[in-house]
């Protein structure tokens, strides 16, 4: 599971600069700056209420900050909506599983292909001609993801019947169906047992290495973060506390005092 050697990444895929976000009088983020480099696994950590999920929501357009800029693939983005972010290659999973519980695993994953479909709504409704051929191609791609994530046995199972760990894997599969350049994972291992966490860590590493997908993840399990991340940014009460390689961050006195604790 562990990434044994330090990897070097030079090309900046996304940069957040001086981002501030407030809801009324409550400041969720204050002057946050960091970058995500192409090909890396970038962890965002911090205690509850630190602003981690708010940061992901800013990156993929759910929230629009009052101050600061976001530069993605060299272009400054202004008030981008989630739909536009998805079209530009940013996919997202959520802290709480957001799947269609009555639909099968395969059909849930297929929803990740909607932005890739080009036939019009009439042809989609009658399932004939070009749309039929297109859907077959998209299903074949989804079947490849199912094989990759080793969930063949549940491809026809309604996801509402699945245990939590498998639902998380299906949500990852749906995000991968979008063929993202940047994959945002909000606590992908939350609520999992040790075996499920090991499996998810392996899949996250495989997605990064085999697909070349850049990953930004929020995770509370410090063992996971230190094992699989290339760089870590630490937030605390909406402010940046530290930023750097895992070994450097884990030795930072402010991080130890505010988050990790002396035991780490």
Protein backbone atom coordinates (compact mmCIF):
# COMPACT_ATOMS: atom_id res chain seq x y z
CA UNK A 1 0.00 0.00 0.00
CA UNK A 2 2.78 2.43 0.89
CA UNK A 3 4.43 4.64 -1.71
CA UNK A 4 8.04 3.81 -0.99
CA UNK A 5 9.89 6.58 -2.82
CA UNK A 6 9.41 10.32 -2.92
CA UNK A 7 7.99 11.43 -6.27
CA UNK A 8 8.62 14.82 -7.83
CA UNK A 9 5.91 16.74 -9.69
CA UNK A 10 6.59 20.03 -11.44
CA UNK A 11 3.48 20.89 -13.47
CA UNK A 12 0.77 22.74 -11.54
CA UNK A 13 -2.69 21.49 -12.49
CA UNK A 14 -4.71 23.64 -10.07
CA UNK A 15 -3.77 26.56 -7.83
CA UNK A 16 -5.86 28.21 -5.16
CA UNK A 17 -4.59 31.62 -4.09
CA UNK A 18 -5.75 33.70 -1.13
CA UNK A 19 -9.14 31.99 -1.01
CA UNK A 20 -11.54 33.33 1.61
CA UNK A 21 -15.06 32.03 2.13
CA UNK A 22 -17.62 33.15 4.68
CA UNK A 23 -21.23 32.33 5.46
CA UNK A 24 -22.67 35.42 7.08
CA UNK A 25 -20.32 36.18 9.96
CA UNK A 26 -18.78 32.69 9.98
CA UNK A 27 -15.42 32.44 8.22
CA UNK A 28 -14.97 28.98 6.70
CA UNK A 29 -11.69 29.74 4.87
CA UNK A 30 -9.25 32.62 5.32
CA UNK A 31 -6.51 33.42 2.79
CA UNK A 32 -5.86 29.82 1.79
CA UNK A 33 -3.19 29.21 -0.86
CA UNK A 34 -1.76 25.95 -2.18
CA UNK A 35 -1.44 24.05 -5.44
CA UNK A 36 -2.17 20.58 -6.77
CA UNK A 37 0.39 19.25 -9.22
CA UNK A 38 -0.36 17.00 -12.13
CA UNK A 39 -0.01 13.30 -11.27
CA UNK A 40 0.29 13.61 -7.49
CA UNK A 41 -1.84 12.48 -4.57
CA UNK A 42 -2.50 15.61 -2.52
CA UNK A 43 -3.98 15.25 0.97
CA UNK A 44 -5.97 17.92 2.79
CA UNK A 45 -6.16 17.23 6.52
CA UNK A 46 -7.25 18.96 9.70
CA UNK A 47 -9.66 18.60 12.62
CA UNK A 48 -13.43 18.72 12.21
CA UNK A 49 -14.54 22.21 11.20
CA UNK A 50 -11.16 23.06 9.68
CA UNK A 51 -12.67 23.94 6.29
CA UNK A 52 -11.56 20.88 4.31
CA UNK A 53 -14.88 20.06 2.64
CA UNK A 54 -15.51 23.76 2.05
CA UNK A 55 -12.22 23.84 0.18
CA UNK A 56 -13.28 20.97 -2.09
CA UNK A 57 -16.63 22.68 -2.61
CA UNK A 58 -14.80 25.80 -3.77
CA UNK A 59 -12.58 23.82 -6.14
CA UNK A 60 -15.47 22.13 -7.95
CA UNK A 61 -17.81 25.10 -7.94
CA UNK A 62 -20.35 24.31 -5.21
CA UNK A 63 -19.20 27.40 -3.32
CA UNK A 64 -17.94 30.69 -4.75
CA UNK A 65 -15.38 32.42 -2.51
CA UNK A 66 -15.65 36.09 -1.66
CA UNK A 67 -11.93 36.60 -2.27
CA UNK A 68 -9.09 34.85 -4.06
CA UNK A 69 -8.60 33.07 -7.36
CA UNK A 70 -8.56 29.51 -8.67
CA UNK A 71 -6.39 28.70 -11.67
CA UNK A 72 -7.04 25.38 -13.41
CA UNK A 73 -4.88 24.19 -16.31
CA UNK A 74 -3.43 27.67 -16.65
CA UNK A 75 -6.73 29.54 -16.79
CA UNK A 76 -8.30 31.61 -14.02
CA UNK A 77 -11.78 30.30 -13.23
CA UNK A 78 -14.52 32.67 -12.14
CA UNK A 79 -17.74 31.37 -10.59
CA UNK A 80 -17.57 27.98 -12.26
CA UNK A 81 -20.56 25.70 -11.66
CA UNK A 82 -20.16 21.99 -10.77
CA UNK A 83 -21.49 21.04 -14.21
CA UNK A 84 -18.77 23.09 -15.90
CA UNK A 85 -16.10 21.73 -13.56
CA UNK A 86 -17.17 18.18 -14.46
CA UNK A 87 -16.98 18.98 -18.17
CA UNK A 88 -13.45 20.30 -17.66
CA UNK A 89 -12.28 17.09 -15.98
CA UNK A 90 -12.95 17.52 -12.25
CA UNK A 91 -14.84 14.65 -10.61
CA UNK A 92 -15.93 14.33 -6.98
CA UNK A 93 -17.00 11.84 -4.34
CA UNK A 94 -18.72 12.91 -1.14
CA UNK A 95 -18.29 12.42 2.59
CA UNK A 96 -21.79 10.93 2.73
CA UNK A 97 -22.47 8.44 -0.05
CA UNK A 98 -24.55 10.09 -2.78
CA UNK A 99 -25.82 7.24 -4.96
CA UNK A 100 -29.18 6.30 -6.47
CA UNK A 101 -30.09 3.59 -3.98
CA UNK A 102 -32.77 1.91 -6.11
CA UNK A 103 -30.54 1.62 -9.18
CA UNK A 104 -28.02 -1.12 -9.86
CA UNK A 105 -24.28 -0.70 -9.49
CA UNK A 106 -23.84 -0.60 -13.28
CA UNK A 107 -26.61 1.97 -13.77
CA UNK A 108 -25.14 4.20 -11.04
CA UNK A 109 -21.76 4.07 -12.72
CA UNK A 110 -23.40 4.84 -16.08
CA UNK A 111 -24.64 8.17 -14.70
CA UNK A 112 -20.99 9.21 -14.65
CA UNK A 113 -20.97 8.93 -18.45
CA UNK A 114 -23.86 11.34 -19.08
CA UNK A 115 -21.60 14.27 -19.94
CA UNK A 116 -19.81 12.05 -22.46
CA UNK A 117 -23.01 11.20 -24.38
CA UNK A 118 -23.59 13.16 -27.58
CA UNK A 119 -26.91 11.91 -28.96
CA UNK A 120 -29.99 14.05 -28.36
CA UNK A 121 -32.67 13.39 -25.74
CA UNK A 122 -35.18 12.01 -28.26
CA UNK A 123 -32.81 9.30 -29.43
CA UNK A 124 -31.87 8.53 -25.83
CA UNK A 125 -35.55 8.07 -24.98
CA UNK A 126 -36.30 5.65 -27.83
CA UNK A 127 -32.97 3.78 -27.51
CA UNK A 128 -32.45 3.31 -31.22
CA UNK A 129 -29.79 3.81 -33.83
CA UNK A 130 -26.82 6.04 -32.89
CA UNK A 131 -27.90 6.23 -29.25
CA UNK A 132 -28.03 2.47 -28.90
CA UNK A 133 -24.52 2.11 -30.31
CA UNK A 134 -23.24 4.95 -28.13
CA UNK A 135 -24.74 3.50 -24.96
CA UNK A 136 -23.14 0.14 -25.71
CA UNK A 137 -19.74 1.85 -25.92
CA UNK A 138 -20.32 3.64 -22.63
CA UNK A 139 -21.46 0.43 -20.92
CA UNK A 140 -18.31 -1.31 -22.12
CA UNK A 141 -16.22 1.45 -20.53
CA UNK A 142 -18.16 1.11 -17.26
CA UNK A 143 -17.65 -2.65 -17.32
CA UNK A 144 -13.90 -2.03 -17.51
CA UNK A 145 -14.12 0.11 -14.38
CA UNK A 146 -16.16 -2.60 -12.66
CA UNK A 147 -13.41 -5.10 -13.44
CA UNK A 148 -10.73 -2.64 -12.30
CA UNK A 149 -12.42 -2.11 -8.91
CA UNK A 150 -13.26 -5.80 -8.55
CA UNK A 151 -17.02 -5.34 -8.15
CA UNK A 152 -18.20 -7.74 -10.88
CA UNK A 153 -20.32 -9.72 -8.41
CA UNK A 154 -22.50 -6.69 -7.58
CA UNK A 155 -22.87 -5.14 -11.03
CA UNK A 156 -26.65 -5.85 -11.12
CA UNK A 157 -27.30 -5.35 -7.40
CA UNK A 158 -29.27 -2.26 -6.27
CA UNK A 159 -26.73 -0.19 -4.36
CA UNK A 160 -29.14 0.32 -1.46
CA UNK A 161 -28.60 -3.34 -0.58
CA UNK A 162 -24.83 -3.08 -0.50
CA UNK A 163 -22.70 -2.67 2.65
CA UNK A 164 -21.24 0.77 3.20
CA UNK A 165 -17.72 -0.12 2.05
CA UNK A 166 -18.96 -1.36 -1.32
CA UNK A 167 -21.18 1.70 -1.75
CA UNK A 168 -18.06 3.83 -1.36
CA UNK A 169 -16.37 1.77 -4.07
CA UNK A 170 -19.35 2.23 -6.39
CA UNK A 171 -19.20 5.98 -5.83
CA UNK A 172 -15.51 5.91 -6.76
CA UNK A 173 -16.40 3.94 -9.88
CA UNK A 174 -19.00 6.54 -10.89
CA UNK A 175 -16.42 9.32 -10.51
CA UNK A 176 -13.91 7.35 -12.61
CA UNK A 177 -16.55 6.90 -15.32
CA UNK A 178 -16.20 10.64 -15.94
CA UNK A 179 -12.53 10.08 -16.92
CA UNK A 180 -11.37 12.92 -14.66
CA UNK A 181 -8.03 14.67 -14.79
CA UNK A 182 -8.53 15.77 -11.16
CA UNK A 183 -10.36 13.48 -8.74
CA UNK A 184 -11.57 14.97 -5.45
CA UNK A 185 -12.18 12.39 -2.72
CA UNK A 186 -13.95 13.52 0.46
CA UNK A 187 -13.11 11.00 3.20
CA UNK A 188 -13.09 7.93 0.93
CA UNK A 189 -12.24 5.61 3.86
CA UNK A 190 -14.70 7.02 6.42
CA UNK A 191 -16.68 4.35 8.25
CA UNK A 192 -14.66 1.46 6.82
CA UNK A 193 -13.09 -1.43 8.65
CA UNK A 194 -9.37 -2.20 8.31
CA UNK A 195 -9.77 -4.58 5.37
CA UNK A 196 -12.01 -2.15 3.47
CA UNK A 197 -9.53 0.67 4.06
CA UNK A 198 -6.67 -1.43 2.72
CA UNK A 199 -8.68 -2.20 -0.41
CA UNK A 200 -9.60 1.44 -0.95
CA UNK A 201 -6.00 2.58 -0.45
CA UNK A 202 -4.89 0.08 -3.07
CA UNK A 203 -7.52 1.31 -5.53
CA UNK A 204 -6.63 4.98 -4.94
CA UNK A 205 -2.97 4.21 -5.64
CA UNK A 206 -3.88 2.16 -8.71
CA UNK A 207 -6.11 4.94 -10.10
CA UNK A 208 -3.24 7.39 -9.65
CA UNK A 209 -0.58 5.14 -11.13
CA UNK A 210 -2.44 3.29 -13.91
CA UNK A 211 -4.84 6.03 -15.05
CA UNK A 212 -2.45 8.90 -14.30
CA UNK A 213 -5.26 10.66 -12.43
CA UNK A 214 -4.34 13.54 -10.13
CA UNK A 215 -6.02 13.05 -6.75
CA UNK A 216 -6.85 15.43 -3.92
CA UNK A 217 -8.29 13.72 -0.87
CA UNK A 218 -9.59 14.55 2.56
CA UNK A 219 -8.88 11.82 5.08
CA UNK A 220 -8.78 11.57 8.88
CA UNK A 221 -6.79 8.33 9.08
CA UNK A 222 -3.23 9.60 9.46
CA UNK A 223 -1.74 6.22 8.67
CA UNK A 224 -3.47 6.34 5.29
CA UNK A 225 -2.48 9.96 4.65
CA UNK A 226 1.18 9.45 5.49
CA UNK A 227 1.37 6.22 3.47
CA UNK A 228 -0.19 7.26 0.15
CA UNK A 229 0.16 11.05 -0.13
CA UNK A 230 2.89 12.89 -1.99
CA UNK A 231 2.16 16.20 -0.24
CA UNK A 232 -0.11 17.28 2.61
CA UNK A 233 -1.74 20.62 3.37
CA UNK A 234 -3.09 21.10 6.90
CA UNK A 235 -6.04 23.37 7.70
CA UNK A 236 -7.15 24.51 11.15
CA UNK A 237 -10.14 26.77 11.78
CA UNK A 238 -10.15 27.77 8.11
CA UNK A 239 -6.48 28.77 8.00
CA UNK A 240 -3.48 26.99 6.51
CA UNK A 241 -1.30 25.53 9.23
CA UNK A 242 1.32 23.65 7.22
CA UNK A 243 2.09 22.39 3.72
CA UNK A 244 4.70 19.93 2.51
CA UNK A 245 5.76 16.27 2.22
CA UNK A 246 4.15 13.88 4.76
CA UNK A 247 7.32 13.36 6.83
CA UNK A 248 7.85 17.11 7.10
CA UNK A 249 4.24 17.81 8.07
CA UNK A 250 4.10 15.09 10.71
CA UNK A 251 7.11 16.69 12.46
CA UNK A 252 5.69 20.22 12.40
CA UNK A 253 5.20 21.36 15.99
CA UNK A 254 2.09 23.40 15.21
CA UNK A 255 0.48 20.45 13.45
CA UNK A 256 1.32 18.14 16.35
CA UNK A 257 -0.09 20.59 18.85
CA UNK A 258 -3.26 21.42 16.91
CA UNK A 259 -4.13 18.14 15.28
CA UNK A 260 -1.90 15.07 15.46
CA UNK A 261 -1.13 15.03 19.17
CA UNK A 262 2.07 14.03 20.96
CA UNK A 263 1.42 10.31 20.36
CA UNK A 264 2.14 10.71 16.64
